[in-house]
């Protein structure tokens, strides 16, 4: 199920008020990638939990992930410089 963003809902409402609301128009609007979806990566808690001790808080998990990503990035940069 896909809910429209505020912008999409406003455009659909405007089409409806103008009598131009068709299946194709709604399909096109709803098929657009939303900005929030482009800027966000979501990983479910149950996917991540298996990699961390049960005592870890979400903040500790995030800090560890960021630290590991930074190490990975540095390693990749060093290998590209060779």
PDB file of N, CA and C in Angstrom:
ATOM      1  N   UNK A   1       0.847  -1.180   0.000  1.00  0.00           N
ATOM      2  CA  UNK A   1       0.000   0.000   0.000  1.00  0.00           C
ATOM      3  C   UNK A   1       0.886   1.234   0.000  1.00  0.00           C
ATOM      4  N   UNK A   2       0.453   2.215  -0.763  1.00  0.00           N
ATOM      5  CA  UNK A   2       1.231   3.426  -0.903  1.00  0.00           C
ATOM      6  C   UNK A   2       0.341   4.616  -0.589  1.00  0.00           C
ATOM      7  N   UNK A   3       0.718   5.411   0.383  1.00  0.00           N
ATOM      8  CA  UNK A   3      -0.052   6.605   0.715  1.00  0.00           C
ATOM      9  C   UNK A   3       0.580   7.799   0.009  1.00  0.00           C
ATOM     10  N   UNK A   4      -0.232   8.723  -0.466  1.00  0.00           N
ATOM     11  CA  UNK A   4       0.337   9.887  -1.154  1.00  0.00           C
ATOM     12  C   UNK A   4       1.017  10.833  -0.175  1.00  0.00           C
ATOM     13  N   UNK A   5       2.041  11.509  -0.661  1.00  0.00           N
ATOM     14  CA  UNK A   5       2.654  12.574   0.125  1.00  0.00           C
ATOM     15  C   UNK A   5       1.686  13.754   0.111  1.00  0.00           C
ATOM     16  N   UNK A   6       1.974  14.758   0.903  1.00  0.00           N
ATOM     17  CA  UNK A   6       1.114  15.941   0.928  1.00  0.00           C
ATOM     18  C   UNK A   6       1.039  16.577  -0.453  1.00  0.00           C
ATOM     19  N   UNK A   7       2.174  16.701  -1.107  1.00  0.00           N
ATOM     20  CA  UNK A   7       2.225  17.293  -2.444  1.00  0.00           C
ATOM     21  C   UNK A   7       1.385  16.490  -3.435  1.00  0.00           C
ATOM     22  N   UNK A   8       1.526  15.165  -3.384  1.00  0.00           N
ATOM     23  CA  UNK A   8       0.759  14.312  -4.293  1.00  0.00           C
ATOM     24  C   UNK A   8      -0.740  14.445  -4.018  1.00  0.00           C
ATOM     25  N   UNK A   9      -1.117  14.448  -2.743  1.00  0.00           N
ATOM     26  CA  UNK A   9      -2.534  14.570  -2.383  1.00  0.00           C
ATOM     27  C   UNK A   9      -3.105  15.898  -2.873  1.00  0.00           C
ATOM     28  N   UNK A  10      -2.327  16.956  -2.745  1.00  0.00           N
ATOM     29  CA  UNK A  10      -2.789  18.270  -3.200  1.00  0.00           C
ATOM     30  C   UNK A  10      -2.990  18.291  -4.714  1.00  0.00           C
ATOM     31  N   UNK A  11      -2.069  17.659  -5.448  1.00  0.00           N
ATOM     32  CA  UNK A  11      -2.205  17.629  -6.912  1.00  0.00           C
ATOM     33  C   UNK A  11      -3.402  16.777  -7.345  1.00  0.00           C
ATOM     34  N   UNK A  12      -3.629  15.671  -6.649  1.00  0.00           N
ATOM     35  CA  UNK A  12      -4.794  14.833  -6.966  1.00  0.00           C
ATOM     36  C   UNK A  12      -6.081  15.598  -6.672  1.00  0.00           C
ATOM     37  N   UNK A  13      -6.107  16.311  -5.554  1.00  0.00           N
ATOM     38  CA  UNK A  13      -7.289  17.104  -5.199  1.00  0.00           C
ATOM     39  C   UNK A  13      -7.551  18.174  -6.256  1.00  0.00           C
ATOM     40  N   UNK A  14      -6.489  18.834  -6.711  1.00  0.00           N
ATOM     41  CA  UNK A  14      -6.637  19.874  -7.732  1.00  0.00           C
ATOM     42  C   UNK A  14      -7.182  19.280  -9.030  1.00  0.00           C
ATOM     43  N   UNK A  15      -6.651  18.118  -9.438  1.00  0.00           N
ATOM     44  CA  UNK A  15      -7.169  17.450 -10.637  1.00  0.00           C
ATOM     45  C   UNK A  15      -8.650  17.130 -10.475  1.00  0.00           C
ATOM     46  N   UNK A  16      -9.014  16.661  -9.296  1.00  0.00           N
ATOM     47  CA  UNK A  16     -10.410  16.313  -9.034  1.00  0.00           C
ATOM     48  C   UNK A  16     -11.305  17.545  -9.137  1.00  0.00           C
ATOM     49  N   UNK A  17     -10.861  18.642  -8.566  1.00  0.00           N
ATOM     50  CA  UNK A  17     -11.641  19.883  -8.610  1.00  0.00           C
ATOM     51  C   UNK A  17     -11.787  20.408 -10.032  1.00  0.00           C
ATOM     52  N   UNK A  18     -10.786  20.138 -10.861  1.00  0.00           N
ATOM     53  CA  UNK A  18     -10.822  20.582 -12.256  1.00  0.00           C
ATOM     54  C   UNK A  18     -11.539  19.583 -13.158  1.00  0.00           C
ATOM     55  N   UNK A  19     -11.971  18.462 -12.580  1.00  0.00           N
ATOM     56  CA  UNK A  19     -12.645  17.435 -13.368  1.00  0.00           C
ATOM     57  C   UNK A  19     -11.698  16.652 -14.262  1.00  0.00           C
ATOM     58  N   UNK A  20     -10.421  16.657 -13.926  1.00  0.00           N
ATOM     59  CA  UNK A  20      -9.410  15.986 -14.752  1.00  0.00           C
ATOM     60  C   UNK A  20      -8.799  14.779 -14.039  1.00  0.00           C
ATOM     61  N   UNK A  21      -9.458  14.304 -13.020  1.00  0.00           N
ATOM     62  CA  UNK A  21      -8.927  13.207 -12.222  1.00  0.00           C
ATOM     63  C   UNK A  21      -9.237  11.879 -12.914  1.00  0.00           C
ATOM     64  N   UNK A  22      -8.208  11.301 -13.524  1.00  0.00           N
ATOM     65  CA  UNK A  22      -8.374  10.021 -14.211  1.00  0.00           C
ATOM     66  C   UNK A  22      -7.478   8.980 -13.547  1.00  0.00           C
ATOM     67  N   UNK A  23      -7.753   7.731 -13.856  1.00  0.00           N
ATOM     68  CA  UNK A  23      -6.925   6.641 -13.336  1.00  0.00           C
ATOM     69  C   UNK A  23      -5.467   6.849 -13.735  1.00  0.00           C
ATOM     70  N   UNK A  24      -5.242   7.189 -15.001  1.00  0.00           N
ATOM     71  CA  UNK A  24      -3.871   7.372 -15.492  1.00  0.00           C
ATOM     72  C   UNK A  24      -3.158   8.519 -14.779  1.00  0.00           C
ATOM     73  N   UNK A  25      -3.882   9.615 -14.540  1.00  0.00           N
ATOM     74  CA  UNK A  25      -3.279  10.763 -13.862  1.00  0.00           C
ATOM     75  C   UNK A  25      -2.879  10.385 -12.435  1.00  0.00           C
ATOM     76  N   UNK A  26      -3.767   9.691 -11.735  1.00  0.00           N
ATOM     77  CA  UNK A  26      -3.463   9.269 -10.365  1.00  0.00           C
ATOM     78  C   UNK A  26      -2.319   8.257 -10.368  1.00  0.00           C
ATOM     79  N   UNK A  27      -2.347   7.338 -11.311  1.00  0.00           N
ATOM     80  CA  UNK A  27      -1.294   6.327 -11.415  1.00  0.00           C
ATOM     81  C   UNK A  27       0.064   6.996 -11.620  1.00  0.00           C
ATOM     82  N   UNK A  28       0.113   8.011 -12.494  1.00  0.00           N
ATOM     83  CA  UNK A  28       1.367   8.731 -12.744  1.00  0.00           C
ATOM     84  C   UNK A  28       1.856   9.451 -11.489  1.00  0.00           C
ATOM     85  N   UNK A  29       0.940  10.128 -10.808  1.00  0.00           N
ATOM     86  CA  UNK A  29       1.311  10.869  -9.599  1.00  0.00           C
ATOM     87  C   UNK A  29       1.793   9.912  -8.511  1.00  0.00           C
ATOM     88  N   UNK A  30       1.063   8.835  -8.300  1.00  0.00           N
ATOM     89  CA  UNK A  30       1.425   7.891  -7.242  1.00  0.00           C
ATOM     90  C   UNK A  30       2.682   7.091  -7.584  1.00  0.00           C
ATOM     91  N   UNK A  31       3.019   7.016  -8.855  1.00  0.00           N
ATOM     92  CA  UNK A  31       4.207   6.284  -9.274  1.00  0.00           C
ATOM     93  C   UNK A  31       5.498   7.059  -9.075  1.00  0.00           C
ATOM     94  N   UNK A  32       5.377   8.337  -8.777  1.00  0.00           N
ATOM     95  CA  UNK A  32       6.561   9.160  -8.559  1.00  0.00           C
ATOM     96  C   UNK A  32       7.276   8.726  -7.284  1.00  0.00           C
ATOM     97  N   UNK A  33       8.583   8.820  -7.309  1.00  0.00           N
ATOM     98  CA  UNK A  33       9.350   8.503  -6.112  1.00  0.00           C
ATOM     99  C   UNK A  33       9.281   9.706  -5.183  1.00  0.00           C
ATOM    100  N   UNK A  34       8.914   9.463  -3.967  1.00  0.00           N
ATOM    101  CA  UNK A  34       8.791  10.547  -2.997  1.00  0.00           C
ATOM    102  C   UNK A  34      10.170  10.946  -2.491  1.00  0.00           C
ATOM    103  N   UNK A  35      10.341  12.233  -2.207  1.00  0.00           N
ATOM    104  CA  UNK A  35      11.624  12.743  -1.736  1.00  0.00           C
ATOM    105  C   UNK A  35      12.065  12.019  -0.472  1.00  0.00           C
ATOM    106  N   UNK A  36      11.158  11.807   0.446  1.00  0.00           N
ATOM    107  CA  UNK A  36      11.513  11.134   1.697  1.00  0.00           C
ATOM    108  C   UNK A  36      12.040   9.728   1.433  1.00  0.00           C
ATOM    109  N   UNK A  37      11.496   9.056   0.432  1.00  0.00           N
ATOM    110  CA  UNK A  37      11.947   7.705   0.112  1.00  0.00           C
ATOM    111  C   UNK A  37      13.339   7.721  -0.509  1.00  0.00           C
ATOM    112  N   UNK A  38      13.678   8.783  -1.207  1.00  0.00           N
ATOM    113  CA  UNK A  38      14.991   8.870  -1.841  1.00  0.00           C
ATOM    114  C   UNK A  38      16.077   9.179  -0.818  1.00  0.00           C
ATOM    115  N   UNK A  39      15.708   9.855   0.284  1.00  0.00           N
ATOM    116  CA  UNK A  39      16.679  10.310   1.266  1.00  0.00           C
ATOM    117  C   UNK A  39      16.833   9.370   2.453  1.00  0.00           C
ATOM    118  N   UNK A  40      16.107   8.278   2.470  1.00  0.00           N
ATOM    119  CA  UNK A  40      16.078   7.449   3.661  1.00  0.00           C
ATOM    120  C   UNK A  40      16.408   5.997   3.338  1.00  0.00           C
ATOM    121  N   UNK A  41      17.192   5.419   4.220  1.00  0.00           N
ATOM    122  CA  UNK A  41      17.452   3.985   4.163  1.00  0.00           C
ATOM    123  C   UNK A  41      16.921   3.415   5.466  1.00  0.00           C
ATOM    124  N   UNK A  42      16.101   2.394   5.373  1.00  0.00           N
ATOM    125  CA  UNK A  42      15.519   1.798   6.568  1.00  0.00           C
ATOM    126  C   UNK A  42      15.907   0.332   6.631  1.00  0.00           C
ATOM    127  N   UNK A  43      16.452  -0.051   7.765  1.00  0.00           N
ATOM    128  CA  UNK A  43      16.783  -1.452   8.001  1.00  0.00           C
ATOM    129  C   UNK A  43      15.999  -1.885   9.231  1.00  0.00           C
ATOM    130  N   UNK A  44      15.234  -2.924   9.087  1.00  0.00           N
ATOM    131  CA  UNK A  44      14.397  -3.383  10.191  1.00  0.00           C
ATOM    132  C   UNK A  44      15.252  -3.838  11.371  1.00  0.00           C
ATOM    133  N   UNK A  45      14.732  -3.568  12.560  1.00  0.00           N
ATOM    134  CA  UNK A  45      15.420  -3.902  13.797  1.00  0.00           C
ATOM    135  C   UNK A  45      15.785  -5.383  13.863  1.00  0.00           C
ATOM    136  N   UNK A  46      14.858  -6.252  13.452  1.00  0.00           N
ATOM    137  CA  UNK A  46      15.134  -7.692  13.547  1.00  0.00           C
ATOM    138  C   UNK A  46      16.277  -8.120  12.617  1.00  0.00           C
ATOM    139  N   UNK A  47      16.493  -7.365  11.548  1.00  0.00           N
ATOM    140  CA  UNK A  47      17.613  -7.663  10.647  1.00  0.00           C
ATOM    141  C   UNK A  47      18.934  -7.304  11.330  1.00  0.00           C
ATOM    142  N   UNK A  48      18.963  -6.166  12.006  1.00  0.00           N
ATOM    143  CA  UNK A  48      20.190  -5.704  12.656  1.00  0.00           C
ATOM    144  C   UNK A  48      20.493  -6.429  13.962  1.00  0.00           C
ATOM    145  N   UNK A  49      19.471  -6.779  14.703  1.00  0.00           N
ATOM    146  CA  UNK A  49      19.640  -7.355  16.043  1.00  0.00           C
ATOM    147  C   UNK A  49      20.568  -8.564  16.073  1.00  0.00           C
ATOM    148  N   UNK A  50      20.555  -9.366  15.029  1.00  0.00           N
ATOM    149  CA  UNK A  50      21.375 -10.586  15.056  1.00  0.00           C
ATOM    150  C   UNK A  50      22.877 -10.286  15.043  1.00  0.00           C
ATOM    151  N   UNK A  51      23.255  -9.043  14.729  1.00  0.00           N
ATOM    152  CA  UNK A  51      24.665  -8.665  14.668  1.00  0.00           C
ATOM    153  C   UNK A  51      25.171  -7.977  15.938  1.00  0.00           C
ATOM    154  N   UNK A  52      24.292  -7.735  16.893  1.00  0.00           N
ATOM    155  CA  UNK A  52      24.656  -6.982  18.087  1.00  0.00           C
ATOM    156  C   UNK A  52      24.275  -7.743  19.352  1.00  0.00           C
ATOM    157  N   UNK A  53      25.009  -7.483  20.441  1.00  0.00           N
ATOM    158  CA  UNK A  53      24.614  -8.076  21.721  1.00  0.00           C
ATOM    159  C   UNK A  53      23.210  -7.598  22.110  1.00  0.00           C
ATOM    160  N   UNK A  54      22.494  -8.433  22.835  1.00  0.00           N
ATOM    161  CA  UNK A  54      21.126  -8.085  23.236  1.00  0.00           C
ATOM    162  C   UNK A  54      21.082  -6.830  24.100  1.00  0.00           C
ATOM    163  N   UNK A  55      22.176  -6.536  24.775  1.00  0.00           N
ATOM    164  CA  UNK A  55      22.217  -5.383  25.676  1.00  0.00           C
ATOM    165  C   UNK A  55      22.372  -4.051  24.940  1.00  0.00           C
ATOM    166  N   UNK A  56      22.704  -4.077  23.653  1.00  0.00           N
ATOM    167  CA  UNK A  56      22.926  -2.839  22.902  1.00  0.00           C
ATOM    168  C   UNK A  56      21.625  -2.063  22.716  1.00  0.00           C
ATOM    169  N   UNK A  57      21.738  -0.747  22.912  1.00  0.00           N
ATOM    170  CA  UNK A  57      20.604   0.139  22.640  1.00  0.00           C
ATOM    171  C   UNK A  57      20.629   0.511  21.158  1.00  0.00           C
ATOM    172  N   UNK A  58      19.517   1.040  20.641  1.00  0.00           N
ATOM    173  CA  UNK A  58      19.531   1.502  19.244  1.00  0.00           C
ATOM    174  C   UNK A  58      20.638   2.529  18.982  1.00  0.00           C
ATOM    175  N   UNK A  59      20.918   3.393  19.949  1.00  0.00           N
ATOM    176  CA  UNK A  59      21.975   4.397  19.788  1.00  0.00           C
ATOM    177  C   UNK A  59      23.342   3.723  19.674  1.00  0.00           C
ATOM    178  N   UNK A  60      23.585   2.710  20.496  1.00  0.00           N
ATOM    179  CA  UNK A  60      24.852   1.986  20.419  1.00  0.00           C
ATOM    180  C   UNK A  60      24.981   1.274  19.075  1.00  0.00           C
ATOM    181  N   UNK A  61      23.887   0.716  18.609  1.00  0.00           N
ATOM    182  CA  UNK A  61      23.896   0.050  17.308  1.00  0.00           C
ATOM    183  C   UNK A  61      24.238   1.049  16.209  1.00  0.00           C
ATOM    184  N   UNK A  62      23.592   2.210  16.251  1.00  0.00           N
ATOM    185  CA  UNK A  62      23.844   3.241  15.236  1.00  0.00           C
ATOM    186  C   UNK A  62      25.297   3.694  15.280  1.00  0.00           C
ATOM    187  N   UNK A  63      25.809   3.951  16.476  1.00  0.00           N
ATOM    188  CA  UNK A  63      27.198   4.402  16.606  1.00  0.00           C
ATOM    189  C   UNK A  63      28.166   3.368  16.043  1.00  0.00           C
ATOM    190  N   UNK A  64      27.907   2.101  16.322  1.00  0.00           N
ATOM    191  CA  UNK A  64      28.765   1.024  15.827  1.00  0.00           C
ATOM    192  C   UNK A  64      28.708   0.939  14.307  1.00  0.00           C
ATOM    193  N   UNK A  65      27.515   1.043  13.754  1.00  0.00           N
ATOM    194  CA  UNK A  65      27.353   0.986  12.294  1.00  0.00           C
ATOM    195  C   UNK A  65      28.105   2.135  11.630  1.00  0.00           C
ATOM    196  N   UNK A  66      27.956   3.344  12.175  1.00  0.00           N
ATOM    197  CA  UNK A  66      28.647   4.513  11.610  1.00  0.00           C
ATOM    198  C   UNK A  66      30.159   4.324  11.694  1.00  0.00           C
ATOM    199  N   UNK A  67      30.643   3.847  12.839  1.00  0.00           N
ATOM    200  CA  UNK A  67      32.081   3.619  13.009  1.00  0.00           C
ATOM    201  C   UNK A  67      32.592   2.608  11.980  1.00  0.00           C
ATOM    202  N   UNK A  68      31.864   1.527  11.795  1.00  0.00           N
ATOM    203  CA  UNK A  68      32.271   0.508  10.822  1.00  0.00           C
ATOM    204  C   UNK A  68      32.236   1.043   9.394  1.00  0.00           C
ATOM    205  N   UNK A  69      31.236   1.850   9.079  1.00  0.00           N
ATOM    206  CA  UNK A  69      31.159   2.438   7.739  1.00  0.00           C
ATOM    207  C   UNK A  69      32.321   3.396   7.490  1.00  0.00           C
ATOM    208  N   UNK A  70      32.683   4.164   8.511  1.00  0.00           N
ATOM    209  CA  UNK A  70      33.823   5.076   8.367  1.00  0.00           C
ATOM    210  C   UNK A  70      35.116   4.298   8.132  1.00  0.00           C
ATOM    211  N   UNK A  71      35.299   3.197   8.869  1.00  0.00           N
ATOM    212  CA  UNK A  71      36.483   2.358   8.668  1.00  0.00           C
ATOM    213  C   UNK A  71      36.492   1.774   7.261  1.00  0.00           C
ATOM    214  N   UNK A  72      35.348   1.317   6.809  1.00  0.00           N
ATOM    215  CA  UNK A  72      35.223   0.733   5.471  1.00  0.00           C
ATOM    216  C   UNK A  72      35.562   1.766   4.397  1.00  0.00           C
ATOM    217  N   UNK A  73      35.041   2.990   4.591  1.00  0.00           N
ATOM    218  CA  UNK A  73      35.305   4.051   3.624  1.00  0.00           C
ATOM    219  C   UNK A  73      36.803   4.371   3.561  1.00  0.00           C
ATOM    220  N   UNK A  74      37.451   4.466   4.712  1.00  0.00           N
ATOM    221  CA  UNK A  74      38.894   4.741   4.741  1.00  0.00           C
ATOM    222  C   UNK A  74      39.666   3.633   4.036  1.00  0.00           C
ATOM    223  N   UNK A  75      39.282   2.397   4.280  1.00  0.00           N
ATOM    224  CA  UNK A  75      39.943   1.258   3.642  1.00  0.00           C
ATOM    225  C   UNK A  75      39.774   1.321   2.123  1.00  0.00           C
ATOM    226  N   UNK A  76      38.579   1.663   1.660  1.00  0.00           N
ATOM    227  CA  UNK A  76      38.323   1.775   0.221  1.00  0.00           C
ATOM    228  C   UNK A  76      39.137   2.910  -0.386  1.00  0.00           C
ATOM    229  N   UNK A  77      39.239   4.031   0.320  1.00  0.00           N
ATOM    230  CA  UNK A  77      40.018   5.161  -0.190  1.00  0.00           C
ATOM    231  C   UNK A  77      41.491   4.792  -0.311  1.00  0.00           C
ATOM    232  N   UNK A  78      42.015   4.079   0.688  1.00  0.00           N
ATOM    233  CA  UNK A  78      43.421   3.659   0.635  1.00  0.00           C
ATOM    234  C   UNK A  78      43.669   2.719  -0.536  1.00  0.00           C
ATOM    235  N   UNK A  79      42.743   1.803  -0.770  1.00  0.00           N
ATOM    236  CA  UNK A  79      42.940   0.848  -1.868  1.00  0.00           C
ATOM    237  C   UNK A  79      42.798   1.527  -3.231  1.00  0.00           C
ATOM    238  N   UNK A  80      42.021   2.606  -3.318  1.00  0.00           N
ATOM    239  CA  UNK A  80      41.875   3.331  -4.582  1.00  0.00           C
ATOM    240  C   UNK A  80      43.097   4.194  -4.871  1.00  0.00           C
ATOM    241  N   UNK A  81      43.825   4.589  -3.832  1.00  0.00           N
ATOM    242  CA  UNK A  81      45.010   5.431  -4.006  1.00  0.00           C
ATOM    243  C   UNK A  81      46.195   4.638  -4.533  1.00  0.00           C
ATOM    244  N   UNK A  82      46.137   3.339  -4.454  1.00  0.00           N
ATOM    245  CA  UNK A  82      47.256   2.496  -4.893  1.00  0.00           C
ATOM    246  C   UNK A  82      47.314   2.383  -6.377  1.00  0.00           C
TER     247      UNK A  82
END
